Each structure stands twice: as C-alpha cells, then as structure tokens.
Amino acid sequence: MDRNGLYYVSDGTKRLCEEYMIPSQKTVAAAWHWIAETIRIDQNIQRTHPNRMSIGSFEKKFNRISNRNKGRK
C-alpha cells in the first residue's frame, strides 16, 4: 500500500506497476488482476515478436502451419 492508500504489486525490490506503467489500484484484487493481465499480454508479445524469430524458426513454423492447412482444402 502506498501513502495514498492505494495498492500495487512489488517483486520485493521494485514496483511492477511502475515498470509496466499501471496506476496503483483501490483493492489488492484489482492490483493483482491488472499486473497479471499486463504480464500475460507482454509475454504474448515477446513470444511472437518478429525480431525475436530467426529464419530457421520462422521456416519451421511456416512449414508446420502449411502442413496443418493442407488437409483443409
């Protein structure tokens, strides 16, 4: 809880709400909800970001999806 009576999530060394630019919340449940949603979205973006993929992994993913779609014509 901060000095204004609002709640935030911390990893013990820093406030995660500051890292992800989430305002402090009125309840503990709301603070956990917003940090969980934000981290889930961040992980999805990091996993699928084009700069993260090499040509080899892109070709494997493309071939896998292409093989999956061959039977749907």
C-alpha atoms as a PDB file:
ATOM      1  CA  MET A   1       0.000   0.000   0.000  1.00  0.00           C
ATOM      2  CA  ASP A   2       1.344   3.411  -0.861  1.00  0.00           C
ATOM      3  CA  ARG A   3       0.897   6.594   1.150  1.00  0.00           C
ATOM      4  CA  ASN A   4      -2.378   7.393  -0.665  1.00  0.00           C
ATOM      5  CA  GLY A   5      -3.970   4.126   0.474  1.00  0.00           C
ATOM      6  CA  LEU A   6      -3.707   2.504  -2.957  1.00  0.00           C
ATOM      7  CA  TYR A   7      -2.286  -0.949  -3.646  1.00  0.00           C
ATOM      8  CA  TYR A   8       0.477  -2.049  -6.020  1.00  0.00           C
ATOM      9  CA  VAL A   9       2.359  -5.275  -6.769  1.00  0.00           C
ATOM     10  CA  SER A  10       6.057  -5.481  -5.940  1.00  0.00           C
ATOM     11  CA  ASP A  11       8.685  -8.157  -6.554  1.00  0.00           C
ATOM     12  CA  GLY A  12      10.454  -7.149  -3.361  1.00  0.00           C
ATOM     13  CA  THR A  13      12.883  -4.724  -4.991  1.00  0.00           C
ATOM     14  CA  LYS A  14      10.723  -2.610  -7.279  1.00  0.00           C
ATOM     15  CA  ARG A  15       7.106  -1.852  -8.043  1.00  0.00           C
ATOM     16  CA  LEU A  16       5.938  -3.783 -11.084  1.00  0.00           C
ATOM     17  CA  CYS A  17       3.259  -1.180 -11.695  1.00  0.00           C
ATOM     18  CA  GLU A  18       5.949   1.412 -12.402  1.00  0.00           C
ATOM     19  CA  GLU A  19       7.763  -0.897 -14.830  1.00  0.00           C
ATOM     20  CA  TYR A  20       4.550  -1.557 -16.778  1.00  0.00           C
ATOM     21  CA  MET A  21       3.062   1.917 -16.169  1.00  0.00           C
ATOM     22  CA  ILE A  22       0.000   0.654 -14.307  1.00  0.00           C
ATOM     23  CA  PRO A  23      -1.519   3.062 -11.770  1.00  0.00           C
ATOM     24  CA  SER A  24      -1.956   1.918  -8.171  1.00  0.00           C
ATOM     25  CA  GLN A  25      -5.351   0.331  -7.541  1.00  0.00           C
ATOM     26  CA  LYS A  26      -8.016   0.716  -4.851  1.00  0.00           C
ATOM     27  CA  THR A  27      -8.027  -3.002  -3.936  1.00  0.00           C
ATOM     28  CA  VAL A  28      -5.461  -5.788  -3.707  1.00  0.00           C
ATOM     29  CA  ALA A  29      -7.508  -7.901  -6.123  1.00  0.00           C
ATOM     30  CA  ALA A  30      -7.542  -5.129  -8.728  1.00  0.00           C
ATOM     31  CA  ALA A  31      -3.783  -4.628  -8.409  1.00  0.00           C
ATOM     32  CA  TRP A  32      -3.137  -8.345  -8.974  1.00  0.00           C
ATOM     33  CA  HIS A  33      -5.667  -8.515 -11.803  1.00  0.00           C
ATOM     34  CA  TRP A  34      -4.075  -5.697 -13.789  1.00  0.00           C
ATOM     35  CA  ILE A  35      -0.496  -6.872 -13.290  1.00  0.00           C
ATOM     36  CA  ALA A  36      -1.460 -10.442 -14.306  1.00  0.00           C
ATOM     37  CA  GLU A  37      -3.207  -9.232 -17.468  1.00  0.00           C
ATOM     38  CA  THR A  38      -0.332  -6.929 -18.357  1.00  0.00           C
ATOM     39  CA  ILE A  39       2.308  -9.616 -17.877  1.00  0.00           C
ATOM     40  CA  ARG A  40       0.234 -12.119 -19.910  1.00  0.00           C
ATOM     41  CA  ILE A  41      -0.006  -9.659 -22.809  1.00  0.00           C
ATOM     42  CA  ASP A  42       3.684  -8.771 -22.515  1.00  0.00           C
ATOM     43  CA  GLN A  43       4.652 -12.465 -22.674  1.00  0.00           C
ATOM     44  CA  ASN A  44       2.465 -12.997 -25.747  1.00  0.00           C
ATOM     45  CA  ILE A  45       4.079 -10.041 -27.499  1.00  0.00           C
ATOM     46  CA  GLN A  46       7.595 -11.176 -26.577  1.00  0.00           C
ATOM     47  CA  ARG A  47       6.890 -14.726 -27.775  1.00  0.00           C
ATOM     48  CA  THR A  48       5.546 -13.666 -31.172  1.00  0.00           C
ATOM     49  CA  HIS A  49       7.625 -10.562 -31.896  1.00  0.00           C
ATOM     50  CA  PRO A  50       9.138 -10.782 -35.433  1.00  0.00           C
ATOM     51  CA  ASN A  51      12.567  -9.534 -34.326  1.00  0.00           C
ATOM     52  CA  ARG A  52      12.804 -12.472 -31.926  1.00  0.00           C
ATOM     53  CA  MET A  53      12.372 -15.108 -34.634  1.00  0.00           C
ATOM     54  CA  SER A  54      15.289 -16.384 -36.684  1.00  0.00           C
ATOM     55  CA  ILE A  55      14.879 -17.520 -40.289  1.00  0.00           C
ATOM     56  CA  GLY A  56      15.222 -21.158 -39.223  1.00  0.00           C
ATOM     57  CA  SER A  57      12.485 -20.961 -36.605  1.00  0.00           C
ATOM     58  CA  PHE A  58      10.269 -18.974 -38.979  1.00  0.00           C
ATOM     59  CA  GLU A  59      10.640 -21.657 -41.674  1.00  0.00           C
ATOM     60  CA  LYS A  60       9.818 -24.420 -39.177  1.00  0.00           C
ATOM     61  CA  LYS A  61       6.729 -22.538 -38.005  1.00  0.00           C
ATOM     62  CA  PHE A  62       5.656 -21.804 -41.599  1.00  0.00           C
ATOM     63  CA  ASN A  63       6.088 -25.454 -42.634  1.00  0.00           C
ATOM     64  CA  ARG A  64       4.193 -26.687 -39.591  1.00  0.00           C
ATOM     65  CA  ILE A  65       1.254 -24.380 -40.316  1.00  0.00           C
ATOM     66  CA  SER A  66       1.355 -25.170 -44.038  1.00  0.00           C
ATOM     67  CA  ASN A  67       1.239 -28.913 -43.334  1.00  0.00           C
ATOM     68  CA  ARG A  68      -1.654 -28.385 -40.956  1.00  0.00           C
ATOM     69  CA  ASN A  69      -3.609 -26.440 -43.579  1.00  0.00           C
ATOM     70  CA  LYS A  70      -3.042 -28.894 -46.482  1.00  0.00           C
ATOM     71  CA  GLY A  71      -5.851 -31.149 -45.297  1.00  0.00           C
ATOM     72  CA  ARG A  72      -8.396 -28.323 -45.049  1.00  0.00           C
ATOM     73  CA  LYS A  73      -8.806 -27.550 -48.748  1.00  0.00           C
END
